[in-house]
């Protein structure tokens, strides 16, 4: 049978002491978060989801406009994502890049 390596502390302990040292602690086994910790996690995740939605919505608005653009005899309405976003800002104002923010934030809650 192969010889196992032991630390000096383990060599001088009895079998019950070794079992106690090697057994997982109760704190390591318990996975249920405390009530306050759960509230902090819920608030943190909600704020993170809202911030992510606010940062990505302008790109999403421009993407949707590119997808539904009219292609006339002179070609497509937009040349690309940045052209689309700049034309939206020029024609409708910067706030129009965040059109639909309220429904987008509600979607994050679901």
PDB file of N, CA and C in Angstrom:
ATOM      1  N   UNK A   1       0.845  -1.168   0.000  1.00  0.00           N
ATOM      2  CA  UNK A   1       0.000   0.000   0.000  1.00  0.00           C
ATOM      3  C   UNK A   1       0.887   1.226   0.000  1.00  0.00           C
ATOM      4  N   UNK A   2       0.556   2.245  -0.854  1.00  0.00           N
ATOM      5  CA  UNK A   2       1.444   3.407  -0.986  1.00  0.00           C
ATOM      6  C   UNK A   2       1.481   4.227   0.291  1.00  0.00           C
ATOM      7  N   UNK A   3       2.641   4.782   0.522  1.00  0.00           N
ATOM      8  CA  UNK A   3       2.817   5.610   1.714  1.00  0.00           C
ATOM      9  C   UNK A   3       2.266   7.004   1.436  1.00  0.00           C
ATOM     10  N   UNK A   4       1.488   7.531   2.388  1.00  0.00           N
ATOM     11  CA  UNK A   4       0.917   8.867   2.224  1.00  0.00           C
ATOM     12  C   UNK A   4       1.794   9.888   2.922  1.00  0.00           C
ATOM     13  N   UNK A   5       1.836  11.082   2.339  1.00  0.00           N
ATOM     14  CA  UNK A   5       2.606  12.168   2.943  1.00  0.00           C
ATOM     15  C   UNK A   5       1.755  12.842   4.005  1.00  0.00           C
ATOM     16  N   UNK A   6       2.350  13.073   5.159  1.00  0.00           N
ATOM     17  CA  UNK A   6       1.635  13.739   6.236  1.00  0.00           C
ATOM     18  C   UNK A   6       2.450  14.912   6.729  1.00  0.00           C
ATOM     19  N   UNK A   7       1.738  15.924   7.160  1.00  0.00           N
ATOM     20  CA  UNK A   7       2.425  17.058   7.758  1.00  0.00           C
ATOM     21  C   UNK A   7       2.886  16.646   9.155  1.00  0.00           C
ATOM     22  N   UNK A   8       3.880  17.326   9.728  1.00  0.00           N
ATOM     23  CA  UNK A   8       4.334  16.985  11.080  1.00  0.00           C
ATOM     24  C   UNK A   8       3.205  17.045  12.101  1.00  0.00           C
ATOM     25  N   UNK A   9       2.266  17.969  11.941  1.00  0.00           N
ATOM     26  CA  UNK A   9       1.155  18.074  12.886  1.00  0.00           C
ATOM     27  C   UNK A   9       0.256  16.855  12.797  1.00  0.00           C
ATOM     28  N   UNK A  10       0.049  16.324  11.597  1.00  0.00           N
ATOM     29  CA  UNK A  10      -0.809  15.160  11.417  1.00  0.00           C
ATOM     30  C   UNK A  10      -0.149  13.894  11.954  1.00  0.00           C
ATOM     31  N   UNK A  11       1.182  13.834  11.946  1.00  0.00           N
ATOM     32  CA  UNK A  11       1.879  12.635  12.408  1.00  0.00           C
ATOM     33  C   UNK A  11       1.734  12.441  13.910  1.00  0.00           C
ATOM     34  N   UNK A  12       1.534  13.508  14.653  1.00  0.00           N
ATOM     35  CA  UNK A  12       1.465  13.403  16.113  1.00  0.00           C
ATOM     36  C   UNK A  12       0.043  13.414  16.644  1.00  0.00           C
ATOM     37  N   UNK A  13      -0.953  13.369  15.773  1.00  0.00           N
ATOM     38  CA  UNK A  13      -2.338  13.410  16.229  1.00  0.00           C
ATOM     39  C   UNK A  13      -2.935  12.014  16.240  1.00  0.00           C
ATOM     40  N   UNK A  14      -3.969  11.868  17.022  1.00  0.00           N
ATOM     41  CA  UNK A  14      -4.676  10.590  17.076  1.00  0.00           C
ATOM     42  C   UNK A  14      -5.682  10.517  15.928  1.00  0.00           C
ATOM     43  N   UNK A  15      -6.226   9.345  15.689  1.00  0.00           N
ATOM     44  CA  UNK A  15      -7.185   9.156  14.596  1.00  0.00           C
ATOM     45  C   UNK A  15      -8.410  10.066  14.743  1.00  0.00           C
ATOM     46  N   UNK A  16      -9.047  10.174  15.923  1.00  0.00           N
ATOM     47  CA  UNK A  16     -10.194  11.086  16.043  1.00  0.00           C
ATOM     48  C   UNK A  16      -9.819  12.544  15.799  1.00  0.00           C
ATOM     49  N   UNK A  17      -8.636  12.937  16.215  1.00  0.00           N
ATOM     50  CA  UNK A  17      -8.192  14.312  15.979  1.00  0.00           C
ATOM     51  C   UNK A  17      -7.981  14.559  14.481  1.00  0.00           C
ATOM     52  N   UNK A  18      -7.428  13.576  13.770  1.00  0.00           N
ATOM     53  CA  UNK A  18      -7.230  13.710  12.328  1.00  0.00           C
ATOM     54  C   UNK A  18      -8.571  13.824  11.607  1.00  0.00           C
ATOM     55  N   UNK A  19      -9.555  13.032  12.047  1.00  0.00           N
ATOM     56  CA  UNK A  19     -10.874  13.107  11.436  1.00  0.00           C
ATOM     57  C   UNK A  19     -11.489  14.491  11.644  1.00  0.00           C
ATOM     58  N   UNK A  20     -11.309  15.041  12.840  1.00  0.00           N
ATOM     59  CA  UNK A  20     -11.842  16.367  13.126  1.00  0.00           C
ATOM     60  C   UNK A  20     -11.143  17.437  12.286  1.00  0.00           C
ATOM     61  N   UNK A  21      -9.840  17.281  12.084  1.00  0.00           N
ATOM     62  CA  UNK A  21      -9.092  18.250  11.283  1.00  0.00           C
ATOM     63  C   UNK A  21      -9.462  18.177   9.811  1.00  0.00           C
ATOM     64  N   UNK A  22      -9.778  16.994   9.330  1.00  0.00           N
ATOM     65  CA  UNK A  22     -10.070  16.812   7.912  1.00  0.00           C
ATOM     66  C   UNK A  22     -11.545  17.004   7.566  1.00  0.00           C
ATOM     67  N   UNK A  23     -12.422  17.006   8.554  1.00  0.00           N
ATOM     68  CA  UNK A  23     -13.851  17.170   8.301  1.00  0.00           C
ATOM     69  C   UNK A  23     -14.131  18.615   7.895  1.00  0.00           C
ATOM     70  N   UNK A  24     -15.059  18.819   6.961  1.00  0.00           N
ATOM     71  CA  UNK A  24     -15.384  20.197   6.579  1.00  0.00           C
ATOM     72  C   UNK A  24     -16.055  20.924   7.739  1.00  0.00           C
ATOM     73  N   UNK A  25     -15.781  22.193   7.831  1.00  0.00           N
ATOM     74  CA  UNK A  25     -16.378  22.969   8.918  1.00  0.00           C
ATOM     75  C   UNK A  25     -17.850  23.223   8.615  1.00  0.00           C
ATOM     76  N   UNK A  26     -18.610  23.520   9.652  1.00  0.00           N
ATOM     77  CA  UNK A  26     -20.036  23.794   9.501  1.00  0.00           C
ATOM     78  C   UNK A  26     -20.241  25.049   8.662  1.00  0.00           C
ATOM     79  N   UNK A  27     -19.364  26.032   8.813  1.00  0.00           N
ATOM     80  CA  UNK A  27     -19.488  27.272   8.051  1.00  0.00           C
ATOM     81  C   UNK A  27     -19.301  27.018   6.561  1.00  0.00           C
ATOM     82  N   UNK A  28     -18.409  26.095   6.209  1.00  0.00           N
ATOM     83  CA  UNK A  28     -18.171  25.800   4.806  1.00  0.00           C
ATOM     84  C   UNK A  28     -19.338  25.041   4.191  1.00  0.00           C
ATOM     85  N   UNK A  29     -20.068  24.270   4.978  1.00  0.00           N
ATOM     86  CA  UNK A  29     -21.174  23.469   4.466  1.00  0.00           C
ATOM     87  C   UNK A  29     -22.430  24.324   4.299  1.00  0.00           C
ATOM     88  N   UNK A  30     -22.639  25.291   5.164  1.00  0.00           N
ATOM     89  CA  UNK A  30     -23.840  26.122   5.117  1.00  0.00           C
ATOM     90  C   UNK A  30     -23.774  27.042   3.901  1.00  0.00           C
ATOM     91  N   UNK A  31     -24.785  26.945   3.017  1.00  0.00           N
ATOM     92  CA  UNK A  31     -24.798  27.777   1.820  1.00  0.00           C
ATOM     93  C   UNK A  31     -25.941  28.778   1.814  1.00  0.00           C
ATOM     94  N   UNK A  32     -26.792  28.753   2.802  1.00  0.00           N
ATOM     95  CA  UNK A  32     -27.926  29.670   2.835  1.00  0.00           C
ATOM     96  C   UNK A  32     -27.448  31.071   3.195  1.00  0.00           C
ATOM     97  N   UNK A  33     -27.736  32.071   2.313  1.00  0.00           N
ATOM     98  CA  UNK A  33     -27.312  33.428   2.631  1.00  0.00           C
ATOM     99  C   UNK A  33     -28.175  34.019   3.740  1.00  0.00           C
ATOM    100  N   UNK A  34     -27.594  34.916   4.482  1.00  0.00           N
ATOM    101  CA  UNK A  34     -28.336  35.617   5.522  1.00  0.00           C
ATOM    102  C   UNK A  34     -29.372  36.523   4.865  1.00  0.00           C
ATOM    103  N   UNK A  35     -30.413  36.883   5.584  1.00  0.00           N
ATOM    104  CA  UNK A  35     -31.500  37.698   5.026  1.00  0.00           C
ATOM    105  C   UNK A  35     -30.978  39.034   4.514  1.00  0.00           C
ATOM    106  N   UNK A  36     -30.109  39.678   5.256  1.00  0.00           N
ATOM    107  CA  UNK A  36     -29.539  40.955   4.829  1.00  0.00           C
ATOM    108  C   UNK A  36     -28.672  40.794   3.593  1.00  0.00           C
ATOM    109  N   UNK A  37     -27.939  39.672   3.519  1.00  0.00           N
ATOM    110  CA  UNK A  37     -27.082  39.401   2.372  1.00  0.00           C
ATOM    111  C   UNK A  37     -27.924  39.200   1.113  1.00  0.00           C
ATOM    112  N   UNK A  38     -29.058  38.546   1.259  1.00  0.00           N
ATOM    113  CA  UNK A  38     -29.943  38.321   0.120  1.00  0.00           C
ATOM    114  C   UNK A  38     -30.500  39.640  -0.413  1.00  0.00           C
ATOM    115  N   UNK A  39     -30.855  40.545   0.472  1.00  0.00           N
ATOM    116  CA  UNK A  39     -31.361  41.856   0.053  1.00  0.00           C
ATOM    117  C   UNK A  39     -30.273  42.653  -0.669  1.00  0.00           C
ATOM    118  N   UNK A  40     -29.061  42.597  -0.165  1.00  0.00           N
ATOM    119  CA  UNK A  40     -27.941  43.305  -0.802  1.00  0.00           C
ATOM    120  C   UNK A  40     -27.683  42.726  -2.185  1.00  0.00           C
ATOM    121  N   UNK A  41     -27.730  41.393  -2.297  1.00  0.00           N
ATOM    122  CA  UNK A  41     -27.519  40.759  -3.603  1.00  0.00           C
ATOM    123  C   UNK A  41     -28.617  41.148  -4.595  1.00  0.00           C
ATOM    124  N   UNK A  42     -29.854  41.168  -4.131  1.00  0.00           N
ATOM    125  CA  UNK A  42     -30.968  41.522  -5.009  1.00  0.00           C
ATOM    126  C   UNK A  42     -30.842  42.967  -5.479  1.00  0.00           C
ATOM    127  N   UNK A  43     -30.518  43.863  -4.571  1.00  0.00           N
ATOM    128  CA  UNK A  43     -30.351  45.267  -4.927  1.00  0.00           C
ATOM    129  C   UNK A  43     -29.168  45.449  -5.883  1.00  0.00           C
ATOM    130  N   UNK A  44     -28.071  44.787  -5.587  1.00  0.00           N
ATOM    131  CA  UNK A  44     -26.879  44.902  -6.437  1.00  0.00           C
ATOM    132  C   UNK A  44     -27.137  44.382  -7.837  1.00  0.00           C
ATOM    133  N   UNK A  45     -27.797  43.237  -7.930  1.00  0.00           N
ATOM    134  CA  UNK A  45     -28.058  42.675  -9.260  1.00  0.00           C
ATOM    135  C   UNK A  45     -29.045  43.546 -10.028  1.00  0.00           C
ATOM    136  N   UNK A  46     -30.017  44.121  -9.345  1.00  0.00           N
ATOM    137  CA  UNK A  46     -30.964  45.016 -10.013  1.00  0.00           C
ATOM    138  C   UNK A  46     -30.289  46.273 -10.538  1.00  0.00           C
ATOM    139  N   UNK A  47     -29.412  46.849  -9.732  1.00  0.00           N
ATOM    140  CA  UNK A  47     -28.684  48.042 -10.169  1.00  0.00           C
ATOM    141  C   UNK A  47     -27.742  47.721 -11.329  1.00  0.00           C
ATOM    142  N   UNK A  48     -27.101  46.573 -11.266  1.00  0.00           N
ATOM    143  CA  UNK A  48     -26.192  46.176 -12.350  1.00  0.00           C
ATOM    144  C   UNK A  48     -26.958  45.945 -13.649  1.00  0.00           C
ATOM    145  N   UNK A  49     -28.103  45.291 -13.570  1.00  0.00           N
ATOM    146  CA  UNK A  49     -28.915  45.049 -14.769  1.00  0.00           C
ATOM    147  C   UNK A  49     -29.416  46.367 -15.352  1.00  0.00           C
ATOM    148  N   UNK A  50     -29.839  47.287 -14.496  1.00  0.00           N
ATOM    149  CA  UNK A  50     -30.302  48.593 -14.967  1.00  0.00           C
ATOM    150  C   UNK A  50     -29.193  49.392 -15.621  1.00  0.00           C
ATOM    151  N   UNK A  51     -28.013  49.378 -15.013  1.00  0.00           N
ATOM    152  CA  UNK A  51     -26.873  50.106 -15.589  1.00  0.00           C
ATOM    153  C   UNK A  51     -26.474  49.506 -16.934  1.00  0.00           C
ATOM    154  N   UNK A  52     -26.463  48.183 -17.013  1.00  0.00           N
ATOM    155  CA  UNK A  52     -26.111  47.532 -18.279  1.00  0.00           C
ATOM    156  C   UNK A  52     -27.124  47.876 -19.370  1.00  0.00           C
ATOM    157  N   UNK A  53     -28.392  47.892 -19.023  1.00  0.00           N
ATOM    158  CA  UNK A  53     -29.433  48.230 -20.005  1.00  0.00           C
ATOM    159  C   UNK A  53     -29.277  49.671 -20.476  1.00  0.00           C
ATOM    160  N   UNK A  54     -28.993  50.593 -19.547  1.00  0.00           N
ATOM    161  CA  UNK A  54     -28.814  52.006 -19.918  1.00  0.00           C
ATOM    162  C   UNK A  54     -27.612  52.194 -20.846  1.00  0.00           C
ATOM    163  N   UNK A  55     -26.571  51.394 -20.643  1.00  0.00           N
ATOM    164  CA  UNK A  55     -25.373  51.534 -21.472  1.00  0.00           C
ATOM    165  C   UNK A  55     -25.525  50.885 -22.841  1.00  0.00           C
ATOM    166  N   UNK A  56     -26.308  49.823 -22.937  1.00  0.00           N
ATOM    167  CA  UNK A  56     -26.412  49.108 -24.206  1.00  0.00           C
ATOM    168  C   UNK A  56     -27.620  49.523 -25.040  1.00  0.00           C
ATOM    169  N   UNK A  57     -28.558  50.246 -24.464  1.00  0.00           N
ATOM    170  CA  UNK A  57     -29.771  50.609 -25.203  1.00  0.00           C
ATOM    171  C   UNK A  57     -29.495  51.450 -26.448  1.00  0.00           C
ATOM    172  N   UNK A  58     -28.591  52.444 -26.423  1.00  0.00           N
ATOM    173  CA  UNK A  58     -28.328  53.197 -27.663  1.00  0.00           C
ATOM    174  C   UNK A  58     -27.882  52.299 -28.821  1.00  0.00           C
ATOM    175  N   UNK A  59     -27.066  51.322 -28.528  1.00  0.00           N
ATOM    176  CA  UNK A  59     -26.636  50.386 -29.569  1.00  0.00           C
ATOM    177  C   UNK A  59     -27.819  49.572 -30.073  1.00  0.00           C
ATOM    178  N   UNK A  60     -28.684  49.167 -29.153  1.00  0.00           N
ATOM    179  CA  UNK A  60     -29.847  48.379 -29.530  1.00  0.00           C
ATOM    180  C   UNK A  60     -30.814  49.200 -30.385  1.00  0.00           C
ATOM    181  N   UNK A  61     -31.014  50.469 -30.032  1.00  0.00           N
ATOM    182  CA  UNK A  61     -31.894  51.342 -30.815  1.00  0.00           C
ATOM    183  C   UNK A  61     -31.353  51.476 -32.241  1.00  0.00           C
ATOM    184  N   UNK A  62     -30.047  51.735 -32.368  1.00  0.00           N
ATOM    185  CA  UNK A  62     -29.447  51.872 -33.698  1.00  0.00           C
ATOM    186  C   UNK A  62     -29.533  50.549 -34.463  1.00  0.00           C
ATOM    187  N   UNK A  63     -29.337  49.425 -33.789  1.00  0.00           N
ATOM    188  CA  UNK A  63     -29.410  48.106 -34.435  1.00  0.00           C
ATOM    189  C   UNK A  63     -30.802  47.855 -35.005  1.00  0.00           C
ATOM    190  N   UNK A  64     -31.826  48.174 -34.216  1.00  0.00           N
ATOM    191  CA  UNK A  64     -33.200  47.958 -34.676  1.00  0.00           C
ATOM    192  C   UNK A  64     -33.511  48.874 -35.854  1.00  0.00           C
ATOM    193  N   UNK A  65     -33.048  50.113 -35.792  1.00  0.00           N
ATOM    194  CA  UNK A  65     -33.277  51.032 -36.920  1.00  0.00           C
ATOM    195  C   UNK A  65     -32.590  50.516 -38.182  1.00  0.00           C
ATOM    196  N   UNK A  66     -31.400  49.937 -38.022  1.00  0.00           N
ATOM    197  CA  UNK A  66     -30.720  49.353 -39.187  1.00  0.00           C
ATOM    198  C   UNK A  66     -31.508  48.175 -39.742  1.00  0.00           C
ATOM    199  N   UNK A  67     -32.101  47.383 -38.865  1.00  0.00           N
ATOM    200  CA  UNK A  67     -32.840  46.203 -39.301  1.00  0.00           C
ATOM    201  C   UNK A  67     -34.119  46.561 -40.053  1.00  0.00           C
ATOM    202  N   UNK A  68     -34.753  47.663 -39.681  1.00  0.00           N
ATOM    203  CA  UNK A  68     -36.037  48.018 -40.301  1.00  0.00           C
ATOM    204  C   UNK A  68     -35.911  49.184 -41.288  1.00  0.00           C
ATOM    205  N   UNK A  69     -34.686  49.541 -41.658  1.00  0.00           N
ATOM    206  CA  UNK A  69     -34.501  50.681 -42.552  1.00  0.00           C
ATOM    207  C   UNK A  69     -35.102  50.419 -43.935  1.00  0.00           C
ATOM    208  N   UNK A  70     -35.510  51.491 -44.562  1.00  0.00           N
ATOM    209  CA  UNK A  70     -36.031  51.422 -45.927  1.00  0.00           C
ATOM    210  C   UNK A  70     -34.865  51.512 -46.903  1.00  0.00           C
ATOM    211  N   UNK A  71     -34.905  50.677 -47.898  1.00  0.00           N
ATOM    212  CA  UNK A  71     -33.883  50.753 -48.942  1.00  0.00           C
ATOM    213  C   UNK A  71     -34.558  51.297 -50.182  1.00  0.00           C
ATOM    214  N   UNK A  72     -34.234  52.532 -50.490  1.00  0.00           N
ATOM    215  CA  UNK A  72     -34.844  53.210 -51.629  1.00  0.00           C
ATOM    216  C   UNK A  72     -33.996  53.070 -52.875  1.00  0.00           C
ATOM    217  N   UNK A  73     -34.364  53.807 -53.906  1.00  0.00           N
ATOM    218  CA  UNK A  73     -33.601  53.752 -55.162  1.00  0.00           C
ATOM    219  C   UNK A  73     -32.150  54.223 -54.990  1.00  0.00           C
ATOM    220  N   UNK A  74     -31.929  55.107 -54.034  1.00  0.00           N
ATOM    221  CA  UNK A  74     -30.553  55.606 -53.815  1.00  0.00           C
ATOM    222  C   UNK A  74     -29.760  54.741 -52.838  1.00  0.00           C
ATOM    223  N   UNK A  75     -30.319  53.633 -52.388  1.00  0.00           N
ATOM    224  CA  UNK A  75     -29.614  52.707 -51.502  1.00  0.00           C
ATOM    225  C   UNK A  75     -30.185  52.721 -50.099  1.00  0.00           C
ATOM    226  N   UNK A  76     -29.483  52.077 -49.169  1.00  0.00           N
ATOM    227  CA  UNK A  76     -29.977  52.021 -47.788  1.00  0.00           C
ATOM    228  C   UNK A  76     -29.950  53.394 -47.122  1.00  0.00           C
ATOM    229  N   UNK A  77     -30.812  53.537 -46.143  1.00  0.00           N
ATOM    230  CA  UNK A  77     -30.930  54.802 -45.413  1.00  0.00           C
ATOM    231  C   UNK A  77     -29.684  55.072 -44.571  1.00  0.00           C
ATOM    232  N   UNK A  78     -29.096  54.024 -44.009  1.00  0.00           N
ATOM    233  CA  UNK A  78     -27.912  54.161 -43.142  1.00  0.00           C
ATOM    234  C   UNK A  78     -26.759  53.333 -43.711  1.00  0.00           C
ATOM    235  N   UNK A  79     -25.536  53.819 -43.505  1.00  0.00           N
ATOM    236  CA  UNK A  79     -24.346  53.115 -43.994  1.00  0.00           C
ATOM    237  C   UNK A  79     -23.804  52.111 -42.980  1.00  0.00           C
ATOM    238  N   UNK A  80     -24.155  52.280 -41.717  1.00  0.00           N
ATOM    239  CA  UNK A  80     -23.667  51.394 -40.673  1.00  0.00           C
ATOM    240  C   UNK A  80     -24.160  51.855 -39.318  1.00  0.00           C
ATOM    241  N   UNK A  81     -23.673  51.218 -38.279  1.00  0.00           N
ATOM    242  CA  UNK A  81     -24.141  51.501 -36.920  1.00  0.00           C
ATOM    243  C   UNK A  81     -23.856  52.940 -36.496  1.00  0.00           C
ATOM    244  N   UNK A  82     -22.622  53.401 -36.718  1.00  0.00           N
ATOM    245  CA  UNK A  82     -22.267  54.748 -36.276  1.00  0.00           C
ATOM    246  C   UNK A  82     -22.964  55.816 -37.118  1.00  0.00           C
ATOM    247  N   UNK A  83     -23.127  55.553 -38.408  1.00  0.00           N
ATOM    248  CA  UNK A  83     -23.872  56.480 -39.260  1.00  0.00           C
ATOM    249  C   UNK A  83     -25.320  56.571 -38.801  1.00  0.00           C
ATOM    250  N   UNK A  84     -25.893  55.430 -38.473  1.00  0.00           N
ATOM    251  CA  UNK A  84     -27.270  55.390 -37.987  1.00  0.00           C
ATOM    252  C   UNK A  84     -27.405  56.183 -36.687  1.00  0.00           C
ATOM    253  N   UNK A  85     -26.517  55.925 -35.731  1.00  0.00           N
ATOM    254  CA  UNK A  85     -26.578  56.621 -34.440  1.00  0.00           C
ATOM    255  C   UNK A  85     -26.386  58.125 -34.618  1.00  0.00           C
ATOM    256  N   UNK A  86     -25.466  58.528 -35.480  1.00  0.00           N
ATOM    257  CA  UNK A  86     -25.230  59.969 -35.667  1.00  0.00           C
ATOM    258  C   UNK A  86     -26.422  60.640 -36.344  1.00  0.00           C
ATOM    259  N   UNK A  87     -27.067  59.939 -37.276  1.00  0.00           N
ATOM    260  CA  UNK A  87     -28.260  60.519 -37.919  1.00  0.00           C
ATOM    261  C   UNK A  87     -29.434  60.601 -36.936  1.00  0.00           C
ATOM    262  N   UNK A  88     -29.560  59.618 -36.063  1.00  0.00           N
ATOM    263  CA  UNK A  88     -30.612  59.673 -35.042  1.00  0.00           C
ATOM    264  C   UNK A  88     -30.403  60.883 -34.141  1.00  0.00           C
ATOM    265  N   UNK A  89     -29.172  61.074 -33.693  1.00  0.00           N
ATOM    266  CA  UNK A  89     -28.858  62.213 -32.809  1.00  0.00           C
ATOM    267  C   UNK A  89     -29.088  63.528 -33.544  1.00  0.00           C
ATOM    268  N   UNK A  90     -28.663  63.625 -34.798  1.00  0.00           N
ATOM    269  CA  UNK A  90     -28.809  64.874 -35.560  1.00  0.00           C
ATOM    270  C   UNK A  90     -30.278  65.203 -35.827  1.00  0.00           C
ATOM    271  N   UNK A  91     -31.075  64.189 -36.137  1.00  0.00           N
ATOM    272  CA  UNK A  91     -32.470  64.437 -36.522  1.00  0.00           C
ATOM    273  C   UNK A  91     -33.428  64.486 -35.341  1.00  0.00           C
ATOM    274  N   UNK A  92     -33.159  63.694 -34.297  1.00  0.00           N
ATOM    275  CA  UNK A  92     -34.128  63.563 -33.195  1.00  0.00           C
ATOM    276  C   UNK A  92     -33.592  63.996 -31.839  1.00  0.00           C
ATOM    277  N   UNK A  93     -32.295  64.222 -31.745  1.00  0.00           N
ATOM    278  CA  UNK A  93     -31.689  64.605 -30.477  1.00  0.00           C
ATOM    279  C   UNK A  93     -31.067  63.408 -29.766  1.00  0.00           C
ATOM    280  N   UNK A  94     -30.107  63.671 -28.867  1.00  0.00           N
ATOM    281  CA  UNK A  94     -29.398  62.589 -28.190  1.00  0.00           C
ATOM    282  C   UNK A  94     -30.295  61.686 -27.332  1.00  0.00           C
ATOM    283  N   UNK A  95     -31.333  62.267 -26.741  1.00  0.00           N
ATOM    284  CA  UNK A  95     -32.204  61.468 -25.863  1.00  0.00           C
ATOM    285  C   UNK A  95     -32.953  60.386 -26.629  1.00  0.00           C
ATOM    286  N   UNK A  96     -33.068  60.538 -27.951  1.00  0.00           N
ATOM    287  CA  UNK A  96     -33.806  59.545 -28.728  1.00  0.00           C
ATOM    288  C   UNK A  96     -33.070  58.202 -28.793  1.00  0.00           C
ATOM    289  N   UNK A  97     -31.783  58.183 -28.458  1.00  0.00           N
ATOM    290  CA  UNK A  97     -31.055  56.906 -28.408  1.00  0.00           C
ATOM    291  C   UNK A  97     -31.527  56.046 -27.236  1.00  0.00           C
ATOM    292  N   UNK A  98     -32.202  56.668 -26.285  1.00  0.00           N
ATOM    293  CA  UNK A  98     -32.713  55.926 -25.129  1.00  0.00           C
ATOM    294  C   UNK A  98     -34.237  55.756 -25.192  1.00  0.00           C
ATOM    295  N   UNK A  99     -34.805  55.851 -26.390  1.00  0.00           N
ATOM    296  CA  UNK A  99     -36.244  55.599 -26.533  1.00  0.00           C
ATOM    297  C   UNK A  99     -36.514  54.156 -26.135  1.00  0.00           C
ATOM    298  N   UNK A 100     -37.542  53.969 -25.340  1.00  0.00           N
ATOM    299  CA  UNK A 100     -37.894  52.621 -24.907  1.00  0.00           C
ATOM    300  C   UNK A 100     -37.136  52.164 -23.670  1.00  0.00           C
ATOM    301  N   UNK A 101     -36.534  53.101 -22.933  1.00  0.00           N
ATOM    302  CA  UNK A 101     -35.775  52.718 -21.739  1.00  0.00           C
ATOM    303  C   UNK A 101     -36.678  52.120 -20.664  1.00  0.00           C
ATOM    304  N   UNK A 102     -37.845  52.707 -20.442  1.00  0.00           N
ATOM    305  CA  UNK A 102     -38.736  52.194 -19.391  1.00  0.00           C
ATOM    306  C   UNK A 102     -39.145  50.738 -19.654  1.00  0.00           C
ATOM    307  N   UNK A 103     -39.612  50.378 -20.852  1.00  0.00           N
ATOM    308  CA  UNK A 103     -39.937  48.969 -21.077  1.00  0.00           C
ATOM    309  C   UNK A 103     -38.715  48.060 -20.991  1.00  0.00           C
ATOM    310  N   UNK A 104     -37.564  48.565 -21.407  1.00  0.00           N
ATOM    311  CA  UNK A 104     -36.342  47.758 -21.325  1.00  0.00           C
ATOM    312  C   UNK A 104     -35.976  47.467 -19.872  1.00  0.00           C
ATOM    313  N   UNK A 105     -36.150  48.460 -18.995  1.00  0.00           N
ATOM    314  CA  UNK A 105     -35.855  48.244 -17.577  1.00  0.00           C
ATOM    315  C   UNK A 105     -36.880  47.290 -16.950  1.00  0.00           C
ATOM    316  N   UNK A 106     -38.118  47.380 -17.368  1.00  0.00           N
ATOM    317  CA  UNK A 106     -39.134  46.463 -16.858  1.00  0.00           C
ATOM    318  C   UNK A 106     -38.808  45.031 -17.286  1.00  0.00           C
ATOM    319  N   UNK A 107     -38.310  44.874 -18.524  1.00  0.00           N
ATOM    320  CA  UNK A 107     -37.902  43.536 -18.988  1.00  0.00           C
ATOM    321  C   UNK A 107     -36.805  42.943 -18.115  1.00  0.00           C
ATOM    322  N   UNK A 108     -35.929  43.785 -17.590  1.00  0.00           N
ATOM    323  CA  UNK A 108     -34.852  43.290 -16.733  1.00  0.00           C
ATOM    324  C   UNK A 108     -35.373  42.738 -15.415  1.00  0.00           C
ATOM    325  N   UNK A 109     -36.519  43.237 -14.973  1.00  0.00           N
ATOM    326  CA  UNK A 109     -37.108  42.765 -13.710  1.00  0.00           C
ATOM    327  C   UNK A 109     -37.714  41.380 -13.890  1.00  0.00           C
ATOM    328  N   UNK A 110     -38.259  41.127 -15.061  1.00  0.00           N
ATOM    329  CA  UNK A 110     -38.909  39.833 -15.314  1.00  0.00           C
ATOM    330  C   UNK A 110     -37.917  38.745 -15.428  1.00  0.00           C
TER     331      UNK A 110
END
